[in-house]
Amino acid sequence: MHILRTPDARFADLPDYPFEPHYGEVPVDVDDPDGPTLRVHYVDEGPSDAAPVLLMHGEPTWSFLYRHMIPPLVAAGHRVIAPDLVGFGRSDKPAAMEDYTYARHVAWMRSLLFDQLDLHDITFFGQDWGGLVGLRLVAAEPHRYARVAIGNTGLPTGHGPASDAFLQWQKFSQEAPQFPVGAIINGGCTTDLTPDVIAGYDAPFPDDTYKAGARIFPTLVPTTPDDPASADNIAAWGVLSQFDQPFLLCFSDRDPITKGGDAPFRTKVPGTADQPHTTIEGGGHFLQEDRGAQLAAVLVDFIGR
């Protein structure tokens, strides 16, 4: 496996992102802990002895997406952990698309968050692939979680039809000659991002050779029952159907990709009962960018209750 590492200079002077980097090492092959490793970056802010709030990003963003949510959560007394998935942000980037699988993403994050950081009493929030990966981790070790919140995400098994908007995105990811990450994120927001913010989203990718993970991610979403990840996601739903810790849904109202994606959780996850589920009005797919302060306040209130 050929591994690329974005030069640190690319991350200098990012707007509203003053956080010190932290790194862990995860095995390329989790069945071979003595083999080659990947360096994985994470933000770690707030008091180290506080219960962690785990924020997981999706495609094609990185922890920069949470820059407006981290300070208010820390101000409320919480420790905030925001990792960069392998292939994104300051984390290492395998150079071949076939290096990435859904199962590997789950295993890499499990190695970092459970085996190395040994997080417990977690408040989790995940969006987009942050939910697809993060909910698998909830199902893997539910005892580590005090509460869960999700927005604009899901846990697809391939049994229901994918939305036209998602299928178009999947097609674009594989066929477009250029994959302009910052512009793509801007297109998924209801607000117009400033040039320096767009540049911040482009920062992890000096050129197209660094974008293998970003390119392949949309194709890893299970859209048919015979997808390699379908059985694992079905098993995860089996665990979530018994998960009775508080489970909050905070989807935005202007995301065509995940519209209606909260419905399966309302009917299947016991922890969603009697929770004050929130619709984040005016938020696009990347609701953390459009309504980050509002979403942070929702999480602070959720923990407080």
Protein backbone atom coordinates (compact mmCIF):
# COMPACT_ATOMS: atom_id res chain seq x y z
CA MET A 1 0.00 0.00 0.00
CA HIS A 2 1.41 3.37 -1.04
CA ILE A 3 0.58 5.97 1.59
CA LEU A 4 0.57 9.74 1.10
CA ARG A 5 0.86 12.31 3.88
CA THR A 6 -0.28 15.90 3.35
CA PRO A 7 2.51 18.37 4.23
CA ASP A 8 1.85 20.23 7.48
CA ALA A 9 2.34 23.57 5.71
CA ARG A 10 -0.99 23.02 3.95
CA PHE A 11 -2.76 23.45 7.30
CA ALA A 12 -1.16 26.72 8.35
CA ASP A 13 -3.40 29.70 9.16
CA LEU A 14 -6.73 27.98 8.56
CA PRO A 15 -9.69 30.24 9.45
CA ASP A 16 -11.19 29.53 12.90
CA TYR A 17 -9.19 26.32 13.27
CA PRO A 18 -6.50 26.97 15.91
CA PHE A 19 -6.53 23.45 17.34
CA GLU A 20 -3.30 21.59 18.07
CA PRO A 21 -2.94 18.33 16.13
CA HIS A 22 -2.90 14.96 17.85
CA TYR A 23 -1.98 11.67 16.20
CA GLY A 24 -2.46 7.96 16.68
CA GLU A 25 -1.11 5.01 14.72
CA VAL A 26 -3.52 2.37 13.44
CA PRO A 27 -2.53 -0.86 11.67
CA VAL A 28 -3.10 -0.88 7.93
CA ASP A 29 -4.34 -4.44 8.48
CA VAL A 30 -6.04 -4.66 11.85
CA ASP A 31 -5.38 -8.42 11.89
CA ASP A 32 -1.64 -7.67 11.78
CA PRO A 33 -0.82 -5.22 14.58
CA ASP A 34 2.91 -5.63 13.87
CA GLY A 35 2.55 -4.59 10.24
CA PRO A 36 2.66 -1.13 8.67
CA THR A 37 0.61 1.62 10.26
CA LEU A 38 -1.30 4.74 9.25
CA ARG A 39 -1.02 8.01 11.10
CA VAL A 40 -4.49 9.22 12.07
CA HIS A 41 -5.16 12.78 13.21
CA TYR A 42 -7.69 13.93 15.76
CA VAL A 43 -8.62 17.14 17.53
CA ASP A 44 -8.65 16.82 21.33
CA GLU A 45 -9.89 19.95 23.09
CA GLY A 46 -11.25 20.65 26.57
CA PRO A 47 -10.54 19.05 29.94
CA SER A 48 -8.93 15.64 29.56
CA ASP A 49 -10.87 14.21 32.51
CA ALA A 50 -14.29 15.20 31.12
CA ALA A 51 -16.58 12.75 29.34
CA PRO A 52 -15.84 12.95 25.61
CA VAL A 53 -18.05 14.38 22.91
CA LEU A 54 -17.08 12.50 19.75
CA LEU A 55 -17.70 14.37 16.48
CA MET A 56 -17.28 12.40 13.26
CA HIS A 57 -17.21 13.96 9.81
CA GLY A 58 -18.13 12.47 6.46
CA GLU A 59 -17.37 12.85 2.77
CA PRO A 60 -15.37 14.78 1.56
CA THR A 61 -14.87 16.92 4.67
CA TRP A 62 -12.57 16.65 7.69
CA SER A 63 -12.52 17.88 11.29
CA PHE A 64 -12.37 21.46 9.94
CA LEU A 65 -16.14 21.01 9.50
CA TYR A 66 -16.57 21.16 13.29
CA ARG A 67 -14.54 24.32 13.92
CA HIS A 68 -17.66 26.33 14.93
CA MET A 69 -18.96 23.58 17.21
CA ILE A 70 -15.84 22.68 19.17
CA PRO A 71 -15.44 26.01 21.09
CA PRO A 72 -19.00 26.15 22.51
CA LEU A 73 -18.84 22.49 23.52
CA VAL A 74 -15.52 23.09 25.27
CA ALA A 75 -16.93 26.25 26.90
CA ALA A 76 -19.72 24.09 28.32
CA GLY A 77 -17.08 21.95 30.06
CA HIS A 78 -16.81 19.05 27.64
CA ARG A 79 -13.84 17.26 26.13
CA VAL A 80 -14.21 17.18 22.35
CA ILE A 81 -12.64 14.54 20.11
CA ALA A 82 -12.91 15.07 16.35
CA PRO A 83 -10.92 12.55 14.28
CA ASP A 84 -10.05 12.77 10.60
CA LEU A 85 -11.02 9.59 8.79
CA VAL A 86 -8.22 7.83 6.94
CA GLY A 87 -7.89 9.52 3.56
CA PHE A 88 -9.06 12.89 4.86
CA GLY A 89 -7.78 15.93 6.73
CA ARG A 90 -4.41 15.51 8.41
CA SER A 91 -4.71 11.70 8.46
CA ASP A 92 -2.67 9.54 6.11
CA LYS A 93 -4.07 8.83 2.66
CA PRO A 94 -3.63 5.47 0.93
CA ALA A 95 -3.14 6.29 -2.73
CA ALA A 96 -5.23 3.56 -4.39
CA MET A 97 -9.02 3.53 -4.33
CA GLU A 98 -9.05 -0.22 -3.73
CA ASP A 99 -7.21 0.39 -0.43
CA TYR A 100 -10.47 1.69 1.04
CA THR A 101 -13.39 -0.43 2.20
CA TYR A 102 -16.26 0.28 4.57
CA ALA A 103 -14.97 -2.43 6.93
CA ARG A 104 -11.50 -0.92 6.98
CA HIS A 105 -12.83 2.53 7.85
CA VAL A 106 -14.71 1.05 10.80
CA ALA A 107 -11.67 -0.95 11.92
CA TRP A 108 -9.31 2.03 11.63
CA MET A 109 -11.57 4.24 13.76
CA ARG A 110 -12.16 1.44 16.27
CA SER A 111 -8.41 1.07 16.65
CA LEU A 112 -7.96 4.78 17.32
CA LEU A 113 -11.00 5.53 19.46
CA PHE A 114 -11.31 2.30 21.46
CA ASP A 115 -7.93 0.58 21.46
CA GLN A 116 -5.75 3.70 21.78
CA LEU A 117 -7.88 6.48 23.29
CA ASP A 118 -10.10 4.00 25.18
CA LEU A 119 -13.06 6.38 25.17
CA HIS A 120 -16.02 5.71 27.49
CA ASP A 121 -19.15 7.63 28.50
CA ILE A 122 -19.20 8.99 24.94
CA THR A 123 -21.67 11.49 23.55
CA PHE A 124 -21.54 10.80 19.82
CA PHE A 125 -22.56 12.98 16.91
CA GLY A 126 -22.09 11.82 13.33
CA GLN A 127 -23.10 13.21 9.94
CA ASP A 128 -22.80 11.67 6.46
CA TRP A 129 -20.09 8.96 6.61
CA GLY A 130 -19.43 9.99 10.19
CA GLY A 131 -22.74 8.28 10.92
CA LEU A 132 -22.15 5.30 8.66
CA VAL A 133 -18.84 4.58 10.39
CA GLY A 134 -19.75 5.89 13.84
CA LEU A 135 -23.00 3.95 14.19
CA ARG A 136 -21.14 0.75 13.39
CA LEU A 137 -18.86 1.59 16.33
CA VAL A 138 -21.87 2.21 18.57
CA ALA A 139 -23.15 -1.23 17.60
CA ALA A 140 -19.73 -2.80 18.12
CA GLU A 141 -19.35 -1.61 21.74
CA PRO A 142 -22.58 0.07 22.90
CA HIS A 143 -21.48 0.11 26.53
CA ARG A 144 -19.01 2.88 25.69
CA TYR A 145 -21.81 5.33 24.78
CA ALA A 146 -23.88 7.49 27.13
CA ARG A 147 -25.93 9.00 24.30
CA VAL A 148 -26.03 9.30 20.52
CA ALA A 149 -27.07 12.10 18.17
CA ILE A 150 -27.03 12.01 14.39
CA GLY A 151 -27.87 14.35 11.54
CA ASN A 152 -28.03 13.90 7.78
CA THR A 153 -26.79 10.32 7.81
CA GLY A 154 -28.03 6.74 7.92
CA LEU A 155 -27.05 3.10 8.14
CA PRO A 156 -28.06 1.68 4.76
CA THR A 157 -28.30 -2.04 4.09
CA GLY A 158 -29.06 -1.86 0.37
CA HIS A 159 -32.64 -3.07 0.76
CA GLY A 160 -34.34 0.25 0.10
CA PRO A 161 -33.95 2.37 -3.03
CA ALA A 162 -31.27 5.05 -2.92
CA SER A 163 -32.41 8.59 -3.65
CA ASP A 164 -31.91 10.00 -7.11
CA ALA A 165 -29.78 12.74 -5.59
CA PHE A 166 -27.45 10.18 -4.03
CA LEU A 167 -27.19 8.10 -7.21
CA GLN A 168 -26.28 11.23 -9.15
CA TRP A 169 -23.60 12.02 -6.57
CA GLN A 170 -22.26 8.47 -6.81
CA LYS A 171 -22.05 8.76 -10.60
CA PHE A 172 -20.34 12.15 -10.41
CA SER A 173 -17.71 10.84 -7.98
CA GLN A 174 -16.59 8.20 -10.46
CA GLU A 175 -16.98 9.98 -13.78
CA ALA A 176 -16.17 13.66 -13.24
CA PRO A 177 -12.73 14.53 -14.63
CA GLN A 178 -12.16 16.92 -11.74
CA PHE A 179 -13.15 16.44 -8.08
CA PRO A 180 -13.00 19.95 -6.54
CA VAL A 181 -13.51 19.15 -2.88
CA GLY A 182 -14.01 22.67 -1.57
CA ALA A 183 -16.46 23.55 -4.32
CA ILE A 184 -18.36 20.29 -3.73
CA ILE A 185 -18.75 21.15 -0.04
CA ASN A 186 -19.82 24.67 -0.92
CA GLY A 187 -22.51 23.17 -3.17
CA GLY A 188 -23.80 21.10 -0.24
CA CYS A 189 -24.27 24.17 1.97
CA THR A 190 -27.08 26.70 2.04
CA THR A 191 -24.57 29.45 2.78
CA ASP A 192 -21.88 30.62 0.38
CA LEU A 193 -18.50 29.70 1.81
CA THR A 194 -15.75 32.28 1.66
CA PRO A 195 -12.66 31.56 -0.45
CA ASP A 196 -10.49 30.92 2.62
CA VAL A 197 -12.98 28.36 3.95
CA ILE A 198 -13.15 26.62 0.58
CA ALA A 199 -9.35 26.58 0.60
CA GLY A 200 -9.48 25.02 4.07
CA TYR A 201 -11.49 22.12 2.72
CA ASP A 202 -9.08 21.78 -0.20
CA ALA A 203 -6.03 21.87 2.09
CA PRO A 204 -5.75 18.10 2.69
CA PHE A 205 -5.49 17.43 -1.06
CA PRO A 206 -2.44 19.03 -2.73
CA ASP A 207 -3.37 17.28 -5.98
CA ASP A 208 -5.64 14.53 -7.30
CA THR A 209 -3.34 11.74 -6.15
CA TYR A 210 -4.44 12.46 -2.57
CA LYS A 211 -8.15 12.08 -3.38
CA ALA A 212 -8.50 8.31 -3.72
CA GLY A 213 -10.47 8.04 -0.47
CA ALA A 214 -12.70 10.97 -1.35
CA ARG A 215 -13.37 9.57 -4.81
CA ILE A 216 -14.23 6.03 -3.73
CA PHE A 217 -16.32 6.80 -0.64
CA PRO A 218 -19.68 7.27 -2.44
CA THR A 219 -19.38 3.82 -4.03
CA LEU A 220 -18.89 2.17 -0.61
CA VAL A 221 -22.43 3.05 0.50
CA PRO A 222 -24.51 -0.15 0.29
CA THR A 223 -27.16 0.31 -2.40
CA THR A 224 -27.94 -3.38 -3.03
CA PRO A 225 -28.41 -6.30 -0.62
CA ASP A 226 -25.36 -8.08 -2.02
CA ASP A 227 -23.02 -5.22 -1.12
CA PRO A 228 -20.05 -6.40 1.01
CA ALA A 229 -21.14 -4.12 3.88
CA SER A 230 -24.83 -5.05 3.85
CA ALA A 231 -24.61 -7.95 6.30
CA ASP A 232 -22.52 -5.96 8.77
CA ASN A 233 -24.99 -3.08 8.69
CA ILE A 234 -27.92 -5.45 9.19
CA ALA A 235 -26.12 -6.84 12.24
CA ALA A 236 -25.54 -3.30 13.51
CA TRP A 237 -29.25 -2.54 13.18
CA GLY A 238 -29.87 -5.61 15.33
CA VAL A 239 -27.83 -4.05 18.13
CA LEU A 240 -29.33 -0.58 17.65
CA SER A 241 -32.82 -2.10 17.92
CA GLN A 242 -31.91 -2.85 21.55
CA PHE A 243 -30.10 0.45 22.22
CA ASP A 244 -32.07 2.33 24.88
CA GLN A 245 -29.63 5.10 25.74
CA PRO A 246 -30.84 8.58 24.64
CA PHE A 247 -30.72 8.82 20.85
CA LEU A 248 -31.38 12.23 19.28
CA LEU A 249 -32.22 13.00 15.64
CA CYS A 250 -31.21 16.43 14.38
CA PHE A 251 -31.45 16.36 10.60
CA SER A 252 -31.59 19.58 8.58
CA ASP A 253 -34.53 20.60 6.43
CA ARG A 254 -32.67 21.32 3.19
CA ASP A 255 -30.67 18.19 2.39
CA PRO A 256 -31.97 16.20 -0.59
CA ILE A 257 -29.45 13.41 0.01
CA THR A 258 -30.73 12.28 3.43
CA LYS A 259 -34.28 13.65 3.49
CA GLY A 260 -36.45 11.23 5.47
CA GLY A 261 -33.42 9.36 6.78
CA ASP A 262 -34.49 9.88 10.36
CA ALA A 263 -37.60 7.72 9.97
CA PRO A 264 -35.95 4.27 10.38
CA PHE A 265 -34.28 5.37 13.61
CA ARG A 266 -37.56 6.66 15.05
CA THR A 267 -39.22 3.30 14.50
CA LYS A 268 -36.34 0.93 15.27
CA VAL A 269 -34.15 2.45 18.01
CA PRO A 270 -35.72 2.45 21.50
CA GLY A 271 -33.51 5.31 22.64
CA THR A 272 -35.29 7.71 20.28
CA ALA A 273 -38.51 7.51 22.32
CA ASP A 274 -39.47 10.69 24.17
CA GLN A 275 -36.49 12.64 22.87
CA PRO A 276 -36.88 16.26 21.65
CA HIS A 277 -35.85 15.54 18.07
CA THR A 278 -34.88 18.71 16.28
CA THR A 279 -35.07 19.86 12.68
CA ILE A 280 -32.19 22.23 11.96
CA GLU A 281 -33.89 24.81 9.78
CA GLY A 282 -31.93 26.40 6.98
CA GLY A 283 -29.19 23.77 7.03
CA GLY A 284 -27.99 21.99 3.92
CA HIS A 285 -26.21 18.65 3.81
CA PHE A 286 -23.30 20.10 5.77
CA LEU A 287 -25.41 21.45 8.61
CA GLN A 288 -22.32 21.90 10.80
CA GLU A 289 -21.15 24.55 8.34
CA ASP A 290 -24.54 26.22 7.89
CA ARG A 291 -25.83 26.03 11.47
CA GLY A 292 -22.87 24.94 13.58
CA ALA A 293 -23.57 27.13 16.60
CA GLN A 294 -27.21 26.00 16.70
CA LEU A 295 -26.23 22.35 16.42
CA ALA A 296 -23.65 22.73 19.19
CA ALA A 297 -26.33 24.26 21.43
CA VAL A 298 -28.60 21.29 20.70
CA LEU A 299 -25.84 18.91 21.80
CA VAL A 300 -25.08 20.92 24.94
CA ASP A 301 -28.78 20.79 25.89
CA PHE A 302 -28.95 17.07 25.04
CA ILE A 303 -26.06 16.30 27.39
CA GLY A 304 -27.49 18.57 30.07
CA ARG A 305 -30.79 16.73 30.10
